[in-house]
Protein backbone atom coordinates (compact mmCIF):
# COMPACT_ATOMS: atom_id res chain seq x y z
CA UNK A 1 -0.16 -2.91 3.63
CA UNK A 2 -2.62 -0.48 5.23
CA UNK A 3 -4.81 -1.94 7.96
CA UNK A 4 -7.60 0.52 7.10
CA UNK A 5 -7.86 -0.46 3.44
CA UNK A 6 -6.90 -4.15 3.45
CA UNK A 7 -9.73 -6.44 2.33
CA UNK A 8 -10.86 -9.62 4.06
CA UNK A 9 -9.57 -11.65 1.13
CA UNK A 10 -6.14 -10.05 1.51
CA UNK A 11 -6.17 -10.71 5.27
CA UNK A 12 -6.89 -14.38 4.70
CA UNK A 13 -3.97 -14.61 2.29
CA UNK A 14 -1.47 -13.54 4.98
CA UNK A 15 0.27 -16.62 6.47
CA UNK A 16 0.47 -17.01 10.23
CA UNK A 17 3.70 -15.43 11.44
CA UNK A 18 5.90 -17.99 13.16
CA UNK A 19 7.52 -17.15 16.49
CA UNK A 20 11.32 -16.80 16.21
CA UNK A 21 13.14 -19.17 18.58
CA UNK A 22 16.61 -20.13 19.73
CA UNK A 23 18.25 -22.85 17.67
CA UNK A 24 17.59 -26.23 19.38
CA UNK A 25 21.27 -27.19 19.46
CA UNK A 26 22.10 -23.94 21.23
CA UNK A 27 19.18 -23.73 23.63
CA UNK A 28 19.72 -27.16 25.20
CA UNK A 29 22.97 -25.75 26.60
CA UNK A 30 21.34 -22.82 28.42
CA UNK A 31 18.29 -21.74 30.41
CA UNK A 32 17.56 -18.65 28.30
CA UNK A 33 14.07 -18.21 26.93
CA UNK A 34 13.36 -20.45 23.93
CA UNK A 35 10.87 -18.20 22.14
CA UNK A 36 12.40 -14.86 21.17
CA UNK A 37 9.20 -12.88 20.60
CA UNK A 38 7.76 -11.04 17.61
CA UNK A 39 9.34 -7.98 16.09
CA UNK A 40 7.03 -5.00 15.60
CA UNK A 41 6.79 -5.87 11.90
CA UNK A 42 5.82 -9.49 12.58
CA UNK A 43 3.27 -8.41 15.19
CA UNK A 44 1.54 -5.96 12.86
CA UNK A 45 1.55 -8.49 10.03
CA UNK A 46 -0.02 -11.12 12.30
CA UNK A 47 -2.57 -8.63 13.64
CA UNK A 48 -3.68 -7.84 10.10
CA UNK A 49 -4.82 -11.45 9.75
CA UNK A 50 -7.67 -10.72 12.18
CA UNK A 51 -10.86 -10.14 10.16
CA UNK A 52 -12.47 -8.19 13.03
CA UNK A 53 -15.60 -10.32 13.33
CA UNK A 54 -18.83 -8.59 14.28
CA UNK A 55 -19.24 -11.29 16.93
CA UNK A 56 -15.69 -12.00 18.19
CA UNK A 57 -16.23 -15.53 19.49
CA UNK A 58 -12.56 -15.75 20.48
CA UNK A 59 -13.45 -13.68 23.57
CA UNK A 60 -15.73 -16.48 24.78
CA UNK A 61 -12.71 -18.80 24.81
CA UNK A 62 -10.83 -16.54 27.24
CA UNK A 63 -11.53 -17.20 30.94
CA UNK A 64 -11.10 -13.48 31.76
CA UNK A 65 -12.80 -12.22 28.57
CA UNK A 66 -9.99 -10.05 27.21
CA UNK A 67 -11.28 -7.72 24.46
CA UNK A 68 -9.26 -9.62 21.90
CA UNK A 69 -10.60 -7.97 18.76
CA UNK A 70 -9.96 -4.49 20.17
CA UNK A 71 -6.39 -5.12 21.29
CA UNK A 72 -5.47 -6.82 18.01
CA UNK A 73 -6.93 -3.89 16.03
CA UNK A 74 -4.68 -1.55 18.03
CA UNK A 75 -1.64 -3.75 17.24
CA UNK A 76 -2.46 -3.62 13.54
CA UNK A 77 -2.66 0.18 13.80
CA UNK A 78 0.76 0.27 15.49
CA UNK A 79 -0.60 1.45 18.85
CA UNK A 80 1.25 -1.13 20.92
CA UNK A 81 0.91 0.69 24.24
CA UNK A 82 -2.80 1.12 23.69
CA UNK A 83 -3.07 -2.59 22.96
CA UNK A 84 -1.23 -3.50 26.17
CA UNK A 85 -3.51 -1.31 28.24
CA UNK A 86 -6.61 -2.67 26.54
CA UNK A 87 -5.56 -6.20 27.61
CA UNK A 88 -4.84 -5.03 31.15
CA UNK A 89 -8.44 -3.95 31.56
CA UNK A 90 -9.13 -7.67 32.03
CA UNK A 91 -5.76 -9.43 32.51
CA UNK A 92 -3.12 -8.04 34.86
CA UNK A 93 -0.43 -10.57 33.82
CA UNK A 94 -0.32 -10.48 29.99
CA UNK A 95 3.45 -11.05 29.69
CA UNK A 96 2.99 -14.26 31.67
CA UNK A 97 -0.23 -15.46 30.03
CA UNK A 98 1.17 -14.74 26.58
CA UNK A 99 3.89 -17.26 27.37
CA UNK A 100 2.26 -20.07 29.34
CA UNK A 101 -1.47 -20.10 28.59
CA UNK A 102 -2.78 -22.84 26.26
CA UNK A 103 -4.30 -20.44 23.75
CA UNK A 104 -4.73 -23.27 21.25
CA UNK A 105 -7.36 -24.78 23.55
CA UNK A 106 -8.96 -21.47 24.53
CA UNK A 107 -9.18 -18.23 22.53
CA UNK A 108 -7.38 -19.44 19.39
CA UNK A 109 -9.52 -22.56 19.29
CA UNK A 110 -12.58 -20.32 18.89
CA UNK A 111 -11.01 -18.07 16.21
CA UNK A 112 -13.16 -18.05 13.05
CA UNK A 113 -10.05 -18.44 10.90
CA UNK A 114 -9.34 -21.80 12.52
CA UNK A 115 -12.13 -23.41 10.48
CA UNK A 116 -10.22 -23.15 7.19
CA UNK A 117 -6.92 -21.48 8.07
CA UNK A 118 -4.55 -21.20 11.02
CA UNK A 119 -6.02 -19.10 13.87
CA UNK A 120 -4.67 -15.65 14.67
CA UNK A 121 -1.69 -16.00 17.04
CA UNK A 122 -3.48 -14.27 19.91
CA UNK A 123 -1.03 -15.47 22.58
CA UNK A 124 2.02 -14.31 20.63
CA UNK A 125 0.47 -10.88 20.14
CA UNK A 126 -0.44 -10.64 23.83
CA UNK A 127 3.17 -11.40 24.76
CA UNK A 128 4.49 -8.87 22.22
CA UNK A 129 2.51 -5.88 23.48
CA UNK A 130 3.18 -6.72 27.15
CA UNK A 131 6.92 -6.98 26.42
CA UNK A 132 6.82 -3.77 24.41
CA UNK A 133 5.21 -1.89 27.28
CA UNK A 134 7.76 -3.21 29.77
CA UNK A 135 10.87 -2.89 27.59
CA UNK A 136 10.08 0.70 26.58
CA UNK A 137 9.62 1.70 30.23
CA UNK A 138 5.96 2.57 29.80
CA UNK A 139 4.33 0.26 32.34
CA UNK A 140 1.41 2.16 33.82
CA UNK A 141 0.52 1.54 37.45
CA UNK A 142 -3.28 1.18 37.76
CA UNK A 143 -5.21 3.87 39.59
CA UNK A 144 -6.08 2.96 43.17
CA UNK A 145 -9.27 4.21 44.80
CA UNK A 146 -9.31 5.98 48.17
CA UNK A 147 -8.74 3.65 51.15
CA UNK A 148 -11.88 1.80 52.27
CA UNK A 149 -10.61 0.85 55.72
CA UNK A 150 -11.10 -2.81 54.87
CA UNK A 151 -8.23 -5.30 55.12
CA UNK A 152 -7.99 -8.53 53.08
CA UNK A 153 -5.52 -11.42 53.41
CA UNK A 154 -4.53 -13.25 50.24
CA UNK A 155 -2.90 -16.64 50.86
CA UNK A 156 -0.56 -17.59 48.04
CA UNK A 157 1.21 -15.42 45.48
CA UNK A 158 0.47 -17.51 42.41
CA UNK A 159 -1.78 -16.39 39.54
CA UNK A 160 -5.04 -16.60 41.52
CA UNK A 161 -3.63 -14.66 44.47
CA UNK A 162 -1.93 -11.99 42.36
CA UNK A 163 -5.05 -11.42 40.28
CA UNK A 164 -7.24 -11.16 43.37
CA UNK A 165 -4.76 -8.84 45.12
CA UNK A 166 -4.58 -6.55 42.08
CA UNK A 167 -8.33 -6.06 41.85
CA UNK A 168 -8.81 -5.59 45.60
CA UNK A 169 -5.99 -3.02 45.73
CA UNK A 170 -7.55 -1.05 42.88
CA UNK A 171 -10.80 -1.02 44.83
CA UNK A 172 -9.02 0.70 47.72
CA UNK A 173 -8.72 -2.21 50.13
CA UNK A 174 -5.58 -2.89 52.16
CA UNK A 175 -4.16 -6.17 50.82
CA UNK A 176 -1.54 -8.41 52.43
CA UNK A 177 -0.29 -11.42 50.45
CA UNK A 178 1.17 -14.34 52.43
CA UNK A 179 3.59 -16.66 50.62
CA UNK A 180 4.99 -19.89 52.10
CA UNK A 181 8.21 -19.85 50.07
CA UNK A 182 11.05 -17.33 50.12
CA UNK A 183 10.27 -15.99 46.63
CA UNK A 184 6.97 -14.62 45.34
CA UNK A 185 5.08 -15.92 42.32
CA UNK A 186 3.91 -19.37 43.34
CA UNK A 187 3.91 -21.91 40.51
CA UNK A 188 5.09 -19.20 38.13
CA UNK A 189 8.37 -19.16 40.03
CA UNK A 190 8.87 -22.74 41.20
CA UNK A 191 6.99 -24.72 38.56
CA UNK A 192 7.71 -23.12 35.18
CA UNK A 193 11.33 -23.19 33.95
CA UNK A 194 13.31 -20.07 33.13
CA UNK A 195 13.50 -21.07 29.47
CA UNK A 196 9.71 -20.86 29.21
CA UNK A 197 9.01 -18.00 31.63
CA UNK A 198 11.90 -15.74 32.74
CA UNK A 199 11.63 -15.06 36.46
CA UNK A 200 12.50 -11.40 35.93
CA UNK A 201 9.15 -10.95 34.17
CA UNK A 202 7.26 -12.45 37.12
CA UNK A 203 9.08 -10.17 39.55
CA UNK A 204 8.37 -7.08 37.45
CA UNK A 205 4.66 -7.90 37.41
CA UNK A 206 4.75 -8.25 41.21
CA UNK A 207 6.60 -4.92 41.53
CA UNK A 208 3.60 -3.18 39.95
CA UNK A 209 1.39 -4.58 42.72
CA UNK A 210 3.85 -3.25 45.30
CA UNK A 211 3.58 0.20 43.74
CA UNK A 212 -0.19 -0.11 44.14
CA UNK A 213 0.29 -0.60 47.88
CA UNK A 214 0.01 -4.38 48.14
CA UNK A 215 2.13 -5.80 51.01
CA UNK A 216 3.90 -9.16 50.60
CA UNK A 217 5.07 -11.42 53.42
CA UNK A 218 7.22 -14.44 52.53
CA UNK A 219 8.10 -17.55 54.55
CA UNK A 220 4.61 -17.57 56.09
CA UNK A 221 2.98 -21.00 56.00
CA UNK A 222 -0.70 -20.41 56.67
CA UNK A 223 -1.81 -23.39 58.71
CA UNK A 224 1.51 -23.47 60.56
CA UNK A 225 2.84 -19.93 61.04
CA UNK A 226 -0.69 -18.60 61.42
CA UNK A 227 -4.18 -20.01 60.88
CA UNK A 228 -7.06 -18.53 58.93
CA UNK A 229 -9.03 -18.10 62.15
CA UNK A 230 -6.13 -16.14 63.65
CA UNK A 231 -5.92 -13.90 60.59
CA UNK A 232 -9.57 -12.98 61.05
CA UNK A 233 -9.92 -12.99 64.83
CA UNK A 234 -6.51 -11.69 65.92
CA UNK A 235 -4.94 -9.95 62.92
CA UNK A 236 -8.04 -7.96 61.99
CA UNK A 237 -8.56 -9.12 58.40
CA UNK A 238 -12.11 -8.60 57.17
CA UNK A 239 -11.85 -11.29 54.47
CA UNK A 240 -9.45 -14.01 53.31
CA UNK A 241 -8.78 -15.37 49.84
CA UNK A 242 -7.13 -18.82 49.59
CA UNK A 243 -5.04 -19.32 46.46
CA UNK A 244 -2.52 -21.90 47.63
CA UNK A 245 -2.60 -24.06 44.52
CA UNK A 246 -2.34 -27.83 44.32
CA UNK A 247 1.22 -28.56 45.31
CA UNK A 248 0.98 -32.02 46.87
CA UNK A 249 2.60 -34.38 44.33
CA UNK A 250 0.99 -37.66 43.39
CA UNK A 251 3.06 -40.81 43.03
CA UNK A 252 2.25 -43.98 41.11
CA UNK A 253 2.19 -46.42 44.01
CA UNK A 254 4.49 -48.94 42.36
CA UNK A 255 7.39 -50.84 44.00
CA UNK A 256 10.68 -48.98 44.27
CA UNK A 257 9.39 -45.41 44.48
CA UNK A 258 11.44 -44.95 47.67
CA UNK A 259 14.75 -45.58 45.87
CA UNK A 260 17.36 -42.82 45.74
CA UNK A 261 16.92 -41.04 42.42
CA UNK A 262 13.11 -41.09 42.29
CA UNK A 263 11.73 -37.55 42.61
CA UNK A 264 8.46 -35.73 42.14
CA UNK A 265 8.36 -33.10 39.39
CA UNK A 266 7.51 -30.55 42.11
CA UNK A 267 10.74 -31.18 44.01
CA UNK A 268 12.90 -31.36 40.90
CA UNK A 269 11.55 -28.17 39.32
CA UNK A 270 11.45 -26.25 42.60
CA UNK A 271 15.10 -27.00 43.27
CA UNK A 272 16.12 -26.00 39.76
CA UNK A 273 13.82 -23.00 39.22
CA UNK A 274 13.45 -21.34 42.60
CA UNK A 275 16.65 -22.40 44.32
CA UNK A 276 18.90 -22.16 41.23
CA UNK A 277 20.22 -25.70 41.66
CA UNK A 278 21.33 -25.58 38.02
CA UNK A 279 24.07 -23.23 39.25
CA UNK A 280 25.42 -25.57 41.97
CA UNK A 281 27.82 -25.16 43.76
CA UNK A 282 27.61 -21.38 43.21
CA UNK A 283 24.05 -21.69 44.48
CA UNK A 284 24.07 -24.01 47.47
CA UNK A 285 21.05 -26.15 46.62
CA UNK A 286 22.17 -29.44 45.03
CA UNK A 287 20.14 -31.39 42.52
CA UNK A 288 20.67 -34.85 41.09
CA UNK A 289 23.67 -34.83 38.75
CA UNK A 290 22.18 -35.43 35.30
CA UNK A 291 25.42 -35.13 33.31
CA UNK A 292 25.86 -38.19 31.14
CA UNK A 293 22.96 -39.93 32.89
CA UNK A 294 19.65 -41.42 31.73
CA UNK A 295 16.63 -39.55 33.05
CA UNK A 296 13.01 -40.64 32.60
CA UNK A 297 10.03 -38.40 33.26
CA UNK A 298 6.69 -40.15 33.72
CA UNK A 299 3.67 -38.20 32.46
CA UNK A 300 2.45 -36.32 29.42
CA UNK A 301 1.48 -32.84 30.60
CA UNK A 302 3.24 -29.48 30.47
CA UNK A 303 4.97 -30.14 33.79
CA UNK A 304 6.41 -33.38 32.42
CA UNK A 305 7.73 -31.47 29.38
CA UNK A 306 9.22 -28.83 31.66
CA UNK A 307 10.96 -31.47 33.76
CA UNK A 308 12.39 -33.52 30.89
CA UNK A 309 13.63 -30.44 29.02
CA UNK A 310 15.23 -29.22 32.24
CA UNK A 311 17.01 -32.56 32.68
CA UNK A 312 18.32 -32.29 29.12
CA UNK A 313 19.73 -28.84 29.90
CA UNK A 314 21.39 -30.26 33.00
CA UNK A 315 23.35 -32.62 30.78
CA UNK A 316 21.30 -35.84 30.57
CA UNK A 317 22.59 -38.11 27.81
CA UNK A 318 19.15 -39.65 27.36
CA UNK A 319 16.07 -37.74 28.51
CA UNK A 320 12.90 -39.81 28.11
CA UNK A 321 9.19 -39.08 28.32
CA UNK A 322 7.46 -42.30 29.36
CA UNK A 323 3.72 -42.06 28.76
CA UNK A 324 1.12 -44.80 28.85
CA UNK A 325 -1.01 -43.36 26.06
CA UNK A 326 -0.18 -42.11 22.55
CA UNK A 327 0.88 -38.59 21.60
CA UNK A 328 -2.68 -37.77 20.54
CA UNK A 329 -3.83 -38.14 24.17
CA UNK A 330 -1.04 -36.03 25.66
CA UNK A 331 -2.40 -33.04 27.60
CA UNK A 332 0.78 -30.99 27.04
CA UNK A 333 0.69 -28.04 24.66
CA UNK A 334 1.53 -28.87 21.05
CA UNK A 335 4.29 -26.24 21.12
CA UNK A 336 5.92 -27.82 24.18
CA UNK A 337 5.91 -31.28 22.58
CA UNK A 338 7.35 -29.79 19.38
CA UNK A 339 10.12 -27.99 21.27
CA UNK A 340 10.92 -31.13 23.26
CA UNK A 341 11.33 -33.18 20.08
CA UNK A 342 13.56 -30.51 18.57
CA UNK A 343 15.74 -30.69 21.67
CA UNK A 344 16.30 -34.41 21.39
CA UNK A 345 13.84 -35.64 24.01
CA UNK A 346 13.03 -39.31 23.42
CA UNK A 347 9.34 -40.20 23.61
CA UNK A 348 8.53 -43.72 24.83
CA UNK A 349 4.79 -43.81 24.18
CA UNK A 350 2.31 -46.53 25.10
CA UNK A 351 4.67 -47.65 27.87
CA UNK A 352 3.62 -48.02 31.50
CA UNK A 353 6.03 -48.29 34.46
CA UNK A 354 5.28 -51.13 36.87
CA UNK A 355 8.39 -51.27 39.09
CA UNK A 356 11.51 -49.25 39.84
CA UNK A 357 14.65 -51.32 40.33
CA UNK A 358 17.77 -50.49 42.33
CA UNK A 359 21.13 -51.77 43.50
CA UNK A 360 22.20 -52.97 46.94
CA UNK A 361 22.76 -49.34 48.02
CA UNK A 362 19.13 -48.54 47.18
CA UNK A 363 20.09 -46.35 44.22
CA UNK A 364 17.78 -46.41 41.19
CA UNK A 365 19.14 -48.43 38.25
CA UNK A 366 16.16 -49.00 36.00
CA UNK A 367 12.42 -49.15 35.53
CA UNK A 368 10.41 -52.16 34.42
CA UNK A 369 7.81 -51.11 31.86
CA UNK A 370 5.04 -52.89 30.06
CA UNK A 371 3.92 -51.96 26.56
CA UNK A 372 0.34 -50.80 26.11
CA UNK A 373 -2.33 -50.56 23.44
CA UNK A 374 -5.35 -48.26 23.43
CA UNK A 375 -8.77 -49.65 24.19
CA UNK A 376 -12.15 -47.97 24.68
CA UNK A 377 -12.43 -44.37 25.98
CA UNK A 378 -12.45 -43.87 29.76
CA UNK A 379 -14.14 -41.17 31.86
CA UNK A 380 -11.69 -38.52 30.55
CA UNK A 381 -12.76 -39.22 26.98
CA UNK A 382 -9.33 -40.58 26.11
CA UNK A 383 -8.85 -44.19 25.02
CA UNK A 384 -7.93 -46.37 27.97
CA UNK A 385 -4.46 -47.96 27.81
CA UNK A 386 -4.46 -51.76 28.10
CA UNK A 387 -1.34 -53.81 28.90
CA UNK A 388 0.05 -56.15 26.24
CA UNK A 389 0.73 -59.51 27.85
CA UNK A 390 4.38 -60.57 27.88
CA UNK A 391 5.72 -57.19 26.76
CA UNK A 392 7.68 -56.28 29.90
CA UNK A 393 11.20 -54.89 29.56
CA UNK A 394 13.65 -52.93 31.73
CA UNK A 395 14.77 -49.40 30.78
CA UNK A 396 18.11 -48.49 32.41
CA UNK A 397 17.78 -45.08 34.12
CA UNK A 398 19.63 -43.12 36.79
CA UNK A 399 16.84 -40.70 37.75
CA UNK A 400 13.05 -40.83 37.59
CA UNK A 401 10.77 -37.81 37.80
CA UNK A 402 7.10 -38.48 38.55
CA UNK A 403 4.79 -35.98 36.86
CA UNK A 404 1.28 -37.43 36.95
CA UNK A 405 -0.51 -34.59 38.76
CA UNK A 406 -0.89 -32.98 42.16
CA UNK A 407 -3.27 -33.02 45.08
CA UNK A 408 -4.48 -30.19 47.27
CA UNK A 409 -2.60 -28.54 50.11
CA UNK A 410 -3.70 -30.51 53.22
CA UNK A 411 -2.92 -27.76 55.75
CA UNK A 412 -6.11 -25.81 55.12
CA UNK A 413 -8.34 -28.79 55.89
CA UNK A 414 -6.25 -29.76 58.93
CA UNK A 415 -6.30 -26.32 60.56
CA UNK A 416 -9.62 -24.93 59.35
CA UNK A 417 -12.02 -27.90 59.42
CA UNK A 418 -15.11 -25.71 58.93
CA UNK A 419 -14.07 -25.09 55.30
CA UNK A 420 -15.86 -27.73 53.23
CA UNK A 421 -13.73 -29.82 50.90
CA UNK A 422 -14.63 -32.30 48.17
CA UNK A 423 -13.75 -35.99 47.94
CA UNK A 424 -10.64 -34.89 46.01
CA UNK A 425 -9.69 -32.62 48.96
CA UNK A 426 -10.28 -29.48 46.87
CA UNK A 427 -12.11 -26.56 48.50
CA UNK A 428 -15.81 -26.36 47.68
CA UNK A 429 -16.94 -22.88 46.56
CA UNK A 430 -19.90 -21.09 45.08
CA UNK A 431 -18.65 -20.71 41.51
CA UNK A 432 -20.41 -17.36 41.12
CA UNK A 433 -18.56 -15.76 44.04
CA UNK A 434 -15.79 -18.23 45.00
CA UNK A 435 -17.14 -18.09 48.58
CA UNK A 436 -16.33 -21.10 50.76
CA UNK A 437 -18.51 -22.58 53.50
CA UNK A 438 -16.72 -20.32 56.01
CA UNK A 439 -17.96 -16.74 56.41
CA UNK A 440 -15.79 -14.16 54.62
CA UNK A 441 -13.38 -16.77 53.31
CA UNK A 442 -13.02 -17.26 49.54
CA UNK A 443 -10.87 -19.55 47.42
CA UNK A 444 -9.80 -19.95 43.81
CA UNK A 445 -7.30 -21.53 41.45
CA UNK A 446 -5.93 -25.06 41.65
CA UNK A 447 -6.97 -25.49 45.31
CA UNK A 448 -10.54 -25.42 43.96
CA UNK A 449 -10.25 -26.92 40.47
CA UNK A 450 -7.26 -29.19 40.85
CA UNK A 451 -4.36 -28.61 38.46
CA UNK A 452 -5.52 -26.24 35.73
CA UNK A 453 -4.26 -23.19 33.80
CA UNK A 454 -2.84 -19.84 34.84
CA UNK A 455 -5.65 -17.90 33.18
CA UNK A 456 -8.39 -19.98 34.84
CA UNK A 457 -6.80 -19.30 38.22
CA UNK A 458 -6.66 -15.60 37.41
CA UNK A 459 -10.31 -15.61 36.43
CA UNK A 460 -11.18 -17.16 39.79
CA UNK A 461 -9.13 -14.51 41.59
CA UNK A 462 -11.01 -11.73 39.80
CA UNK A 463 -14.40 -13.30 40.54
CA UNK A 464 -13.49 -13.59 44.22
CA UNK A 465 -12.21 -9.99 44.39
CA UNK A 466 -15.49 -8.67 43.02
CA UNK A 467 -17.51 -10.75 45.51
CA UNK A 468 -15.28 -9.75 48.44
CA UNK A 469 -15.64 -6.09 47.57
CA UNK A 470 -19.41 -6.36 47.34
CA UNK A 471 -19.57 -8.16 50.68
CA UNK A 472 -17.30 -5.71 52.49
CA UNK A 473 -18.82 -2.59 50.99
CA UNK A 474 -22.41 -3.77 50.90
CA UNK A 475 -22.71 -2.93 47.22
CA UNK A 476 -22.97 -4.62 43.85
CA UNK A 477 -20.60 -3.26 41.22
CA UNK A 478 -19.59 -4.14 37.69
CA UNK A 479 -15.91 -4.12 36.76
CA UNK A 480 -16.43 -0.91 34.79
CA UNK A 481 -17.38 0.94 38.01
CA UNK A 482 -14.02 0.60 39.73
C-alpha cells in the first residue's frame, strides 16, 4: 500500500497494529522487557492509519508539543531516521517516553480517529523510531552553541533535570548535574522496572548528554553535601534548576505499619531496580524473599503495578493488588493493568486495609481489610469508597508494599527556607518560567506538581531552560532560534 496514494477510507480500514509482547508465562520468570517493539512493517502499517489532519489536535495533548503528524508521515514514508530527529526537535528522550508515557490520556486521547475507531498508536511509533535510530548506530548528537561563559547547576538527573540540562547545553551554557544516588536517571532508574524500561536505554540517553559536554556528579545530596546557596555563592553557578522529584513515600497511618515486612514501594523498587537485589547474593543488596510467599501491594497507580509485577517475578505465590476503589477508578495505565492480569496478579478491589497484624517476633502475618462500596464522587472526581459494616476479614500475607503516593523532598525547604513552598510542601513557581521565589533558582517536575508523568516533567525542564537562558543572556528567544 502506497502512503502517497492511499485514501482516507482505506486508512480508516487499517486495524490498529498490536504491540508484540513476551508470552505471560515466560515473562514472569525474567526481568526482560515485556513489549518487544514494532517491526518496520508494523510501524509503517500503523503510521498509514494517520489521516494527516489539517489541524492535528493530537499535538495539543502532548506536554512538549511533538510534531506528531510530521513524524508519523515520515514513518509511513519509511524515513525512520528522519522521524526520530523530527521528534527530538521537541523531546530529547523519545525511547523512554515511548515506553512509559500515558499516551492514552494525552496525545492518543486527542486523536481524531479515537471518536469512532482506535487512535493511532503514537507512543508505539515514537518508541520504534527512537529504537531504530539507536540500534542502527545513527544517534545524532545535537549541535552545541559556542560557550556563553555561564554556568548552571541542575539538581536531579530524572526527566526534568535531563531535559533542562539538554536544552541549556545546546544553548552553550556549562551544565553540571548533581545526583544524590550512585546511578544517574532518577525515577527512570530506581522507580521503573527493567521489564518496562531497560536501564541500558536510560544510560544511552544520558551518554548523549555527556557527548554534548554536560558534567554529571553522583552521590551528591544537595541540602547535605552542598546547599543551593553554596552552589551560587561559593561554586560560581549563575543559576540553579531543582528537579529532585517527589521521593518521600506516604504511608497509610494504620496500626502495624512498623512490622517487619511492610515496605514503601520506593524502597522495594529502588532495591530491586537500582541495586539489582533481584540478583542477590551475586549483587550484595538483599530484598525480602518473595519465593512462595504472599505479597500484597496497596494502591492502584503505575507504581503499584510495577511493584506487584516485580514481586511476581521474584517468585511470589500470590501477588495481590489491594485497592479501595473499583478498576474503573484506577489511575494506572490500561496496558499495565492488562499485563498484570495476564501475569496472574490477583486484584482485590473495593477492599481497604485497616490494620497490619504480626507475630510475637514482630513479623507481618496478615492484613485486616474491610470491604467497600462506591458512594458519591469526591474532590478527585472519583466515587468515594464507603466501608460496608461488618465486612472485615484477614488476608494472610508475608510482605506488604505501600504505594499510595509520595511527598516532596524535605531537604530543600530545610536548607533553603527562602524558597516558597505550598501547603503540600511542593515548590511554588511561576508556571510560565518555572522561577521560584529565590533569585536565579528554578524548579520543575514532581517537586512542583507532586507525582506526575515523565513527559510533564520534561516539559517543565524545557520551560525552565528557556527562561534561564533568557535571564542569563538578557534576551528573549524562541526554541527555533537555538
